[in-house]
Every structure is written in structure tokens, then in C-alpha cells.
Full PDB file with SEQRES, HELIX, SHEET, SSBOND, CRYST1, ORIGX, SCALE, CONECT and MASTER records, all heavy atoms in Angstrom:
SEQRES   1 A   33  SER CYS ASP PHE ARG TYR ASP LEU CYS THR ILE THR LEU          
SEQRES   2 A   33  SER GLY TRP HIS HIS GLY ILE SER ALA GLY LEU PHE GLY          
SEQRES   3 A   33  THR ASN ASP ASN GLU ALA GLY                                  
HELIX    1 AA1 GLY A   15  HIS A   17  5                                   3    
SHEET    1 AA1 2 CYS A   2  ASP A   3  0                                        
SHEET    2 AA1 2 LEU A   8  CYS A   9 -1                                        
SSBOND   1 CYS A    2    CYS A    9                          1555   1555  2.09  
CRYST1    1.000    1.000    1.000  90.00  90.00  90.00 P 1           1          
ORIGX1      1.000000  0.000000  0.000000        0.00000                         
ORIGX2      0.000000  1.000000  0.000000        0.00000                         
ORIGX3      0.000000  0.000000  1.000000        0.00000                         
SCALE1      1.000000  0.000000  0.000000        0.00000                         
SCALE2      0.000000  1.000000  0.000000        0.00000                         
SCALE3      0.000000  0.000000  1.000000        0.00000                         
ATOM      1  N   SER A   1       0.839  -1.188   0.000  1.00  0.00           N  
ATOM      2  CA  SER A   1       0.000   0.000   0.000  1.00  0.00           C  
ATOM      3  C   SER A   1       0.878   1.244   0.000  1.00  0.00           C  
ATOM      4  O   SER A   1       1.856   1.305   0.741  1.00  0.00           O  
ATOM      5  CB  SER A   1      -0.894  -0.020   1.250  1.00  0.00           C  
ATOM      6  OG  SER A   1      -1.647   1.154   1.341  1.00  0.00           O  
ATOM      7  N   CYS A   2       0.522   2.217  -0.846  1.00  0.00           N  
ATOM      8  CA  CYS A   2       1.263   3.481  -0.885  1.00  0.00           C  
ATOM      9  C   CYS A   2       0.297   4.641  -0.711  1.00  0.00           C  
ATOM     10  O   CYS A   2      -0.721   4.723  -1.405  1.00  0.00           O  
ATOM     11  CB  CYS A   2       2.005   3.648  -2.216  1.00  0.00           C  
ATOM     12  SG  CYS A   2       3.404   2.540  -2.402  1.00  0.00           S  
ATOM     13  N   ASP A   3       0.617   5.521   0.221  1.00  0.00           N  
ATOM     14  CA  ASP A   3      -0.143   6.746   0.434  1.00  0.00           C  
ATOM     15  C   ASP A   3       0.659   7.883  -0.185  1.00  0.00           C  
ATOM     16  O   ASP A   3       1.730   8.235   0.296  1.00  0.00           O  
ATOM     17  CB  ASP A   3      -0.356   6.987   1.926  1.00  0.00           C  
ATOM     18  CG  ASP A   3      -1.330   8.116   2.193  1.00  0.00           C  
ATOM     19  OD1 ASP A   3      -1.355   9.099   1.410  1.00  0.00           O  
ATOM     20  OD2 ASP A   3      -2.065   8.026   3.187  1.00  0.00           O  
ATOM     21  N   PHE A   4       0.147   8.422  -1.285  1.00  0.00           N  
ATOM     22  CA  PHE A   4       0.867   9.435  -2.043  1.00  0.00           C  
ATOM     23  C   PHE A   4       0.999  10.762  -1.298  1.00  0.00           C  
ATOM     24  O   PHE A   4       1.909  11.532  -1.545  1.00  0.00           O  
ATOM     25  CB  PHE A   4       0.194   9.672  -3.398  1.00  0.00           C  
ATOM     26  CG  PHE A   4       0.250   8.464  -4.300  1.00  0.00           C  
ATOM     27  CD1 PHE A   4      -0.864   8.062  -4.997  1.00  0.00           C  
ATOM     28  CD2 PHE A   4       1.417   7.735  -4.444  1.00  0.00           C  
ATOM     29  CE1 PHE A   4      -0.812   6.957  -5.839  1.00  0.00           C  
ATOM     30  CE2 PHE A   4       1.480   6.627  -5.277  1.00  0.00           C  
ATOM     31  CZ  PHE A   4       0.362   6.243  -5.978  1.00  0.00           C  
ATOM     32  N   ARG A   5       0.074  11.043  -0.386  1.00  0.00           N  
ATOM     33  CA  ARG A   5       0.168  12.307   0.362  1.00  0.00           C  
ATOM     34  C   ARG A   5       1.428  12.371   1.204  1.00  0.00           C  
ATOM     35  O   ARG A   5       2.016  13.420   1.395  1.00  0.00           O  
ATOM     36  CB  ARG A   5      -1.058  12.492   1.269  1.00  0.00           C  
ATOM     37  CG  ARG A   5      -2.324  12.856   0.543  1.00  0.00           C  
ATOM     38  CD  ARG A   5      -3.441  12.929   1.528  1.00  0.00           C  
ATOM     39  NE  ARG A   5      -3.613  11.578   2.074  1.00  0.00           N  
ATOM     40  CZ  ARG A   5      -4.566  11.208   2.882  1.00  0.00           C  
ATOM     41  NH1 ARG A   5      -5.436  12.090   3.298  1.00  0.00           N  
ATOM     42  NH2 ARG A   5      -4.667   9.980   3.305  1.00  0.00           N  
ATOM     43  N   TYR A   6       1.821  11.234   1.751  1.00  0.00           N  
ATOM     44  CA  TYR A   6       2.948  11.195   2.675  1.00  0.00           C  
ATOM     45  C   TYR A   6       4.175  10.508   2.090  1.00  0.00           C  
ATOM     46  O   TYR A   6       5.162  10.333   2.804  1.00  0.00           O  
ATOM     47  CB  TYR A   6       2.529  10.483   3.969  1.00  0.00           C  
ATOM     48  CG  TYR A   6       1.313  11.102   4.605  1.00  0.00           C  
ATOM     49  CD1 TYR A   6       0.094  10.444   4.613  1.00  0.00           C  
ATOM     50  CD2 TYR A   6       1.376  12.372   5.166  1.00  0.00           C  
ATOM     51  CE1 TYR A   6      -1.032  11.016   5.188  1.00  0.00           C  
ATOM     52  CE2 TYR A   6       0.259  12.954   5.737  1.00  0.00           C  
ATOM     53  CZ  TYR A   6      -0.946  12.272   5.741  1.00  0.00           C  
ATOM     54  OH  TYR A   6      -2.048  12.841   6.295  1.00  0.00           O  
ATOM     55  N   ASP A   7       4.116  10.095   0.824  1.00  0.00           N  
ATOM     56  CA  ASP A   7       5.203   9.316   0.217  1.00  0.00           C  
ATOM     57  C   ASP A   7       5.571   8.136   1.112  1.00  0.00           C  
ATOM     58  O   ASP A   7       6.737   7.860   1.377  1.00  0.00           O  
ATOM     59  CB  ASP A   7       6.442  10.182  -0.045  1.00  0.00           C  
ATOM     60  CG  ASP A   7       6.225  11.157  -1.183  1.00  0.00           C  
ATOM     61  OD1 ASP A   7       5.405  10.860  -2.069  1.00  0.00           O  
ATOM     62  OD2 ASP A   7       6.884  12.200  -1.184  1.00  0.00           O  
ATOM     63  N   LEU A   8       4.551   7.428   1.590  1.00  0.00           N  
ATOM     64  CA  LEU A   8       4.733   6.324   2.519  1.00  0.00           C  
ATOM     65  C   LEU A   8       4.156   5.053   1.922  1.00  0.00           C  
ATOM     66  O   LEU A   8       2.987   5.017   1.532  1.00  0.00           O  
ATOM     67  CB  LEU A   8       4.026   6.627   3.843  1.00  0.00           C  
ATOM     68  CG  LEU A   8       4.052   5.519   4.873  1.00  0.00           C  
ATOM     69  CD1 LEU A   8       5.454   5.332   5.421  1.00  0.00           C  
ATOM     70  CD2 LEU A   8       3.072   5.816   5.987  1.00  0.00           C  
ATOM     71  N   CYS A   9       4.977   4.025   1.815  1.00  0.00           N  
ATOM     72  CA  CYS A   9       4.526   2.730   1.321  1.00  0.00           C  
ATOM     73  C   CYS A   9       4.760   1.678   2.396  1.00  0.00           C  
ATOM     74  O   CYS A   9       5.757   1.718   3.100  1.00  0.00           O  
ATOM     75  CB  CYS A   9       5.271   2.346   0.043  1.00  0.00           C  
ATOM     76  SG  CYS A   9       4.957   3.453  -1.343  1.00  0.00           S  
ATOM     77  N   THR A  10       3.829   0.743   2.514  1.00  0.00           N  
ATOM     78  CA  THR A  10       3.950  -0.328   3.493  1.00  0.00           C  
ATOM     79  C   THR A  10       3.756  -1.676   2.801  1.00  0.00           C  
ATOM     80  O   THR A  10       3.019  -1.782   1.824  1.00  0.00           O  
ATOM     81  CB  THR A  10       2.904  -0.200   4.618  1.00  0.00           C  
ATOM     82  OG1 THR A  10       1.602  -0.236   4.037  1.00  0.00           O  
ATOM     83  CG2 THR A  10       3.080   1.088   5.397  1.00  0.00           C  
ATOM     84  N   ILE A  11       4.419  -2.681   3.336  1.00  0.00           N  
ATOM     85  CA  ILE A  11       4.251  -4.054   2.890  1.00  0.00           C  
ATOM     86  C   ILE A  11       3.776  -4.844   4.099  1.00  0.00           C  
ATOM     87  O   ILE A  11       4.414  -4.809   5.154  1.00  0.00           O  
ATOM     88  CB  ILE A  11       5.566  -4.641   2.354  1.00  0.00           C  
ATOM     89  CG1 ILE A  11       6.062  -3.837   1.163  1.00  0.00           C  
ATOM     90  CG2 ILE A  11       5.379  -6.107   1.980  1.00  0.00           C  
ATOM     91  CD1 ILE A  11       7.441  -4.229   0.691  1.00  0.00           C  
ATOM     92  N   THR A  12       2.643  -5.530   3.957  1.00  0.00           N  
ATOM     93  CA  THR A  12       2.091  -6.319   5.044  1.00  0.00           C  
ATOM     94  C   THR A  12       2.028  -7.775   4.599  1.00  0.00           C  
ATOM     95  O   THR A  12       1.524  -8.076   3.517  1.00  0.00           O  
ATOM     96  CB  THR A  12       0.676  -5.824   5.413  1.00  0.00           C  
ATOM     97  OG1 THR A  12       0.736  -4.423   5.694  1.00  0.00           O  
ATOM     98  CG2 THR A  12       0.135  -6.565   6.610  1.00  0.00           C  
ATOM     99  N   LEU A  13       2.546  -8.670   5.445  1.00  0.00           N  
ATOM    100  CA  LEU A  13       2.541 -10.103   5.144  1.00  0.00           C  
ATOM    101  C   LEU A  13       1.750 -10.830   6.216  1.00  0.00           C  
ATOM    102  O   LEU A  13       1.887 -10.541   7.402  1.00  0.00           O  
ATOM    103  CB  LEU A  13       3.972 -10.654   5.125  1.00  0.00           C  
ATOM    104  CG  LEU A  13       4.956  -9.988   4.181  1.00  0.00           C  
ATOM    105  CD1 LEU A  13       6.343 -10.603   4.347  1.00  0.00           C  
ATOM    106  CD2 LEU A  13       4.496 -10.113   2.744  1.00  0.00           C  
ATOM    107  N   SER A  14       0.942 -11.790   5.786  1.00  0.00           N  
ATOM    108  CA  SER A  14       0.194 -12.591   6.753  1.00  0.00           C  
ATOM    109  C   SER A  14       1.138 -13.606   7.405  1.00  0.00           C  
ATOM    110  O   SER A  14       2.282 -13.778   6.988  1.00  0.00           O  
ATOM    111  CB  SER A  14      -0.946 -13.328   6.048  1.00  0.00           C  
ATOM    112  OG  SER A  14      -0.424 -14.372   5.240  1.00  0.00           O  
ATOM    113  N   GLY A  15       0.646 -14.296   8.385  1.00  0.00           N  
ATOM    114  CA  GLY A  15       1.441 -15.301   9.082  1.00  0.00           C  
ATOM    115  C   GLY A  15       1.909 -16.443   8.188  1.00  0.00           C  
ATOM    116  O   GLY A  15       2.867 -17.136   8.509  1.00  0.00           O  
ATOM    117  N   TRP A  16       1.249 -16.647   7.067  1.00  0.00           N  
ATOM    118  CA  TRP A  16       1.647 -17.710   6.135  1.00  0.00           C  
ATOM    119  C   TRP A  16       3.030 -17.449   5.554  1.00  0.00           C  
ATOM    120  O   TRP A  16       3.665 -18.361   5.045  1.00  0.00           O  
ATOM    121  CB  TRP A  16       0.626 -17.851   5.002  1.00  0.00           C  
ATOM    122  CG  TRP A  16      -0.707 -18.295   5.479  1.00  0.00           C  
ATOM    123  CD1 TRP A  16      -1.835 -17.538   5.564  1.00  0.00           C  
ATOM    124  CD2 TRP A  16      -1.063 -19.585   5.961  1.00  0.00           C  
ATOM    125  NE1 TRP A  16      -2.872 -18.276   6.070  1.00  0.00           N  
ATOM    126  CE2 TRP A  16      -2.421 -19.544   6.325  1.00  0.00           C  
ATOM    127  CE3 TRP A  16      -0.353 -20.773   6.137  1.00  0.00           C  
ATOM    128  CZ2 TRP A  16      -3.085 -20.654   6.845  1.00  0.00           C  
ATOM    129  CZ3 TRP A  16      -1.025 -21.880   6.646  1.00  0.00           C  
ATOM    130  CH2 TRP A  16      -2.366 -21.808   6.990  1.00  0.00           C  
ATOM    131  N   HIS A  17       3.497 -16.218   5.631  1.00  0.00           N  
ATOM    132  CA  HIS A  17       4.811 -15.869   5.085  1.00  0.00           C  
ATOM    133  C   HIS A  17       5.886 -15.794   6.166  1.00  0.00           C  
ATOM    134  O   HIS A  17       6.977 -15.312   5.920  1.00  0.00           O  
ATOM    135  CB  HIS A  17       4.722 -14.536   4.325  1.00  0.00           C  
ATOM    136  CG  HIS A  17       3.822 -14.618   3.139  1.00  0.00           C  
ATOM    137  ND1 HIS A  17       4.174 -15.249   1.979  1.00  0.00           N  
ATOM    138  CD2 HIS A  17       2.560 -14.192   2.962  1.00  0.00           C  
ATOM    139  CE1 HIS A  17       3.175 -15.191   1.130  1.00  0.00           C  
ATOM    140  NE2 HIS A  17       2.190 -14.557   1.700  1.00  0.00           N  
ATOM    141  N   HIS A  18       5.567 -16.312   7.345  1.00  0.00           N  
ATOM    142  CA  HIS A  18       6.511 -16.306   8.462  1.00  0.00           C  
ATOM    143  C   HIS A  18       7.764 -17.099   8.098  1.00  0.00           C  
ATOM    144  O   HIS A  18       7.703 -18.297   7.831  1.00  0.00           O  
ATOM    145  CB  HIS A  18       5.842 -16.911   9.697  1.00  0.00           C  
ATOM    146  CG  HIS A  18       6.709 -16.922  10.908  1.00  0.00           C  
ATOM    147  ND1 HIS A  18       6.857 -15.821  11.721  1.00  0.00           N  
ATOM    148  CD2 HIS A  18       7.484 -17.900  11.439  1.00  0.00           C  
ATOM    149  CE1 HIS A  18       7.674 -16.120  12.710  1.00  0.00           C  
ATOM    150  NE2 HIS A  18       8.067 -17.370  12.561  1.00  0.00           N  
ATOM    151  N   GLY A  19       8.898 -16.401   8.037  1.00  0.00           N  
ATOM    152  CA  GLY A  19      10.181 -17.058   7.834  1.00  0.00           C  
ATOM    153  C   GLY A  19      10.489 -17.541   6.423  1.00  0.00           C  
ATOM    154  O   GLY A  19      11.504 -18.193   6.231  1.00  0.00           O  
ATOM    155  N   ILE A  20       9.632 -17.257   5.445  1.00  0.00           N  
ATOM    156  CA  ILE A  20       9.923 -17.737   4.083  1.00  0.00           C  
ATOM    157  C   ILE A  20      10.253 -16.603   3.123  1.00  0.00           C  
ATOM    158  O   ILE A  20      10.450 -16.832   1.942  1.00  0.00           O  
ATOM    159  CB  ILE A  20       8.767 -18.587   3.513  1.00  0.00           C  
ATOM    160  CG1 ILE A  20       7.492 -17.769   3.362  1.00  0.00           C  
ATOM    161  CG2 ILE A  20       8.544 -19.828   4.338  1.00  0.00           C  
ATOM    162  CD1 ILE A  20       6.389 -18.491   2.613  1.00  0.00           C  
ATOM    163  N   SER A  21      10.313 -15.388   3.636  1.00  0.00           N  
ATOM    164  CA  SER A  21      10.671 -14.262   2.778  1.00  0.00           C  
ATOM    165  C   SER A  21      11.983 -13.657   3.273  1.00  0.00           C  
ATOM    166  O   SER A  21      12.367 -13.840   4.418  1.00  0.00           O  
ATOM    167  CB  SER A  21       9.557 -13.209   2.770  1.00  0.00           C  
ATOM    168  OG  SER A  21       9.376 -12.669   4.058  1.00  0.00           O  
ATOM    169  N   ALA A  22      12.639 -12.957   2.368  1.00  0.00           N  
ATOM    170  CA  ALA A  22      13.897 -12.314   2.724  1.00  0.00           C  
ATOM    171  C   ALA A  22      14.094 -11.115   1.812  1.00  0.00           C  
ATOM    172  O   ALA A  22      13.401 -10.951   0.813  1.00  0.00           O  
ATOM    173  CB  ALA A  22      15.062 -13.287   2.599  1.00  0.00           C  
ATOM    174  N   GLY A  23      15.045 -10.288   2.180  1.00  0.00           N  
ATOM    175  CA  GLY A  23      15.355  -9.084   1.421  1.00  0.00           C  
ATOM    176  C   GLY A  23      15.852  -8.019   2.383  1.00  0.00           C  
ATOM    177  O   GLY A  23      16.185  -8.306   3.545  1.00  0.00           O  
ATOM    178  N   LEU A  24      15.866  -6.801   1.918  1.00  0.00           N  
ATOM    179  CA  LEU A  24      16.320  -5.695   2.748  1.00  0.00           C  
ATOM    180  C   LEU A  24      15.423  -5.501   3.976  1.00  0.00           C  
ATOM    181  O   LEU A  24      15.863  -4.989   4.993  1.00  0.00           O  
ATOM    182  CB  LEU A  24      16.361  -4.418   1.909  1.00  0.00           C  
ATOM    183  CG  LEU A  24      17.377  -3.367   2.305  1.00  0.00           C  
ATOM    184  CD1 LEU A  24      18.788  -3.908   2.236  1.00  0.00           C  
ATOM    185  CD2 LEU A  24      17.263  -2.153   1.407  1.00  0.00           C  
ATOM    186  N   PHE A  25      14.163  -5.951   3.890  1.00  0.00           N  
ATOM    187  CA  PHE A  25      13.249  -5.842   5.025  1.00  0.00           C  
ATOM    188  C   PHE A  25      13.392  -6.992   6.012  1.00  0.00           C  
ATOM    189  O   PHE A  25      12.629  -7.109   6.952  1.00  0.00           O  
ATOM    190  CB  PHE A  25      11.802  -5.769   4.543  1.00  0.00           C  
ATOM    191  CG  PHE A  25      11.415  -4.424   3.987  1.00  0.00           C  
ATOM    192  CD1 PHE A  25      10.201  -4.259   3.343  1.00  0.00           C  
ATOM    193  CD2 PHE A  25      12.246  -3.322   4.097  1.00  0.00           C  
ATOM    194  CE1 PHE A  25       9.840  -3.027   2.833  1.00  0.00           C  
ATOM    195  CE2 PHE A  25      11.878  -2.096   3.584  1.00  0.00           C  
ATOM    196  CZ  PHE A  25      10.669  -1.949   2.945  1.00  0.00           C  
ATOM    197  N   GLY A  26      14.359  -7.863   5.810  1.00  0.00           N  
ATOM    198  CA  GLY A  26      14.632  -8.920   6.779  1.00  0.00           C  
ATOM    199  C   GLY A  26      13.949 -10.227   6.438  1.00  0.00           C  
ATOM    200  O   GLY A  26      13.444 -10.428   5.337  1.00  0.00           O  
ATOM    201  N   THR A  27      13.905 -11.111   7.436  1.00  0.00           N  
ATOM    202  CA  THR A  27      13.449 -12.482   7.226  1.00  0.00           C  
ATOM    203  C   THR A  27      12.008 -12.728   7.653  1.00  0.00           C  
ATOM    204  O   THR A  27      11.495 -13.824   7.442  1.00  0.00           O  
ATOM    205  CB  THR A  27      14.360 -13.452   8.004  1.00  0.00           C  
ATOM    206  OG1 THR A  27      14.372 -13.048   9.373  1.00  0.00           O  
ATOM    207  CG2 THR A  27      15.768 -13.459   7.442  1.00  0.00           C  
ATOM    208  N   ASN A  28      11.367 -11.776   8.277  1.00  0.00           N  
ATOM    209  CA  ASN A  28       9.971 -11.898   8.682  1.00  0.00           C  
ATOM    210  C   ASN A  28       9.726 -13.126   9.555  1.00  0.00           C  
ATOM    211  O   ASN A  28       8.791 -13.884   9.344  1.00  0.00           O  
ATOM    212  CB  ASN A  28       9.050 -11.927   7.444  1.00  0.00           C  
ATOM    213  CG  ASN A  28       7.590 -11.826   7.816  1.00  0.00           C  
ATOM    214  OD1 ASN A  28       7.210 -11.112   8.727  1.00  0.00           O  
ATOM    215  ND2 ASN A  28       6.749 -12.569   7.118  1.00  0.00           N  
ATOM    216  N   ASP A  29      10.591 -13.323  10.550  1.00  0.00           N  
ATOM    217  CA  ASP A  29      10.377 -14.455  11.448  1.00  0.00           C  
ATOM    218  C   ASP A  29      10.426 -14.041  12.920  1.00  0.00           C  
ATOM    219  O   ASP A  29      10.527 -14.891  13.800  1.00  0.00           O  
ATOM    220  CB  ASP A  29      11.381 -15.577  11.172  1.00  0.00           C  
ATOM    221  CG  ASP A  29      12.823 -15.153  11.426  1.00  0.00           C  
ATOM    222  OD1 ASP A  29      13.056 -13.985  11.788  1.00  0.00           O  
ATOM    223  OD2 ASP A  29      13.722 -15.999  11.249  1.00  0.00           O  
ATOM    224  N   ASN A  30      10.361 -12.753  13.187  1.00  0.00           N  
ATOM    225  CA  ASN A  30      10.356 -12.209  14.550  1.00  0.00           C  
ATOM    226  C   ASN A  30      11.623 -12.525  15.341  1.00  0.00           C  
ATOM    227  O   ASN A  30      11.606 -12.503  16.568  1.00  0.00           O  
ATOM    228  CB  ASN A  30       9.121 -12.680  15.337  1.00  0.00           C  
ATOM    229  CG  ASN A  30       7.848 -12.132  14.753  1.00  0.00           C  
ATOM    230  OD1 ASN A  30       7.816 -11.006  14.252  1.00  0.00           O  
ATOM    231  ND2 ASN A  30       6.787 -12.922  14.794  1.00  0.00           N  
ATOM    232  N   GLU A  31      12.697 -12.838  14.660  1.00  0.00           N  
ATOM    233  CA  GLU A  31      13.983 -13.084  15.308  1.00  0.00           C  
ATOM    234  C   GLU A  31      14.913 -11.918  15.001  1.00  0.00           C  
ATOM    235  O   GLU A  31      15.356 -11.754  13.863  1.00  0.00           O  
ATOM    236  CB  GLU A  31      14.603 -14.393  14.818  1.00  0.00           C  
ATOM    237  CG  GLU A  31      13.815 -15.628  15.156  1.00  0.00           C  
ATOM    238  CD  GLU A  31      13.784 -15.908  16.649  1.00  0.00           C  
ATOM    239  OE1 GLU A  31      14.735 -15.523  17.358  1.00  0.00           O  
ATOM    240  OE2 GLU A  31      12.809 -16.522  17.105  1.00  0.00           O  
ATOM    241  N   ALA A  32      15.197 -11.086  15.979  1.00  0.00           N  
ATOM    242  CA  ALA A  32      16.040  -9.904  15.765  1.00  0.00           C  
ATOM    243  C   ALA A  32      17.464 -10.281  15.365  1.00  0.00           C  
ATOM    244  O   ALA A  32      18.132  -9.535  14.657  1.00  0.00           O  
ATOM    245  CB  ALA A  32      16.063  -9.038  17.028  1.00  0.00           C  
ATOM    246  N   GLY A  33      17.916 -11.441  15.762  1.00  0.00           N  
ATOM    247  CA  GLY A  33      19.297 -11.839  15.520  1.00  0.00           C  
ATOM    248  C   GLY A  33      19.636 -12.192  14.076  1.00  0.00           C  
ATOM    249  O   GLY A  33      20.798 -12.268  13.718  1.00  0.00           O  
TER     250      GLY A  33                                                      
CONECT   12   76                                                                
CONECT   76   12                                                                
MASTER        0    0    0    1    2    0    0    6  249    1    2    3          
END                                                                             
């Protein structure tokens, strides 16, 4: 989702994507390490 007024974009993943994605936004597994 991107809000053009604020130049703000968000990516939201459901729990089905827990730990199976990666990239600059991290691993999405709630492990800070």
C-alpha cells in the first residue's frame, strides 16, 4: 500500500509468510538476531 500524500509505502505479510521471505526488510520471522 502506498499513500501518495505522505510518500509512505507499506508491505504487510500474513502469518503464512513467516520465515519464508527475505530481502532488505529482513526475514519476517520475529527473530532480531
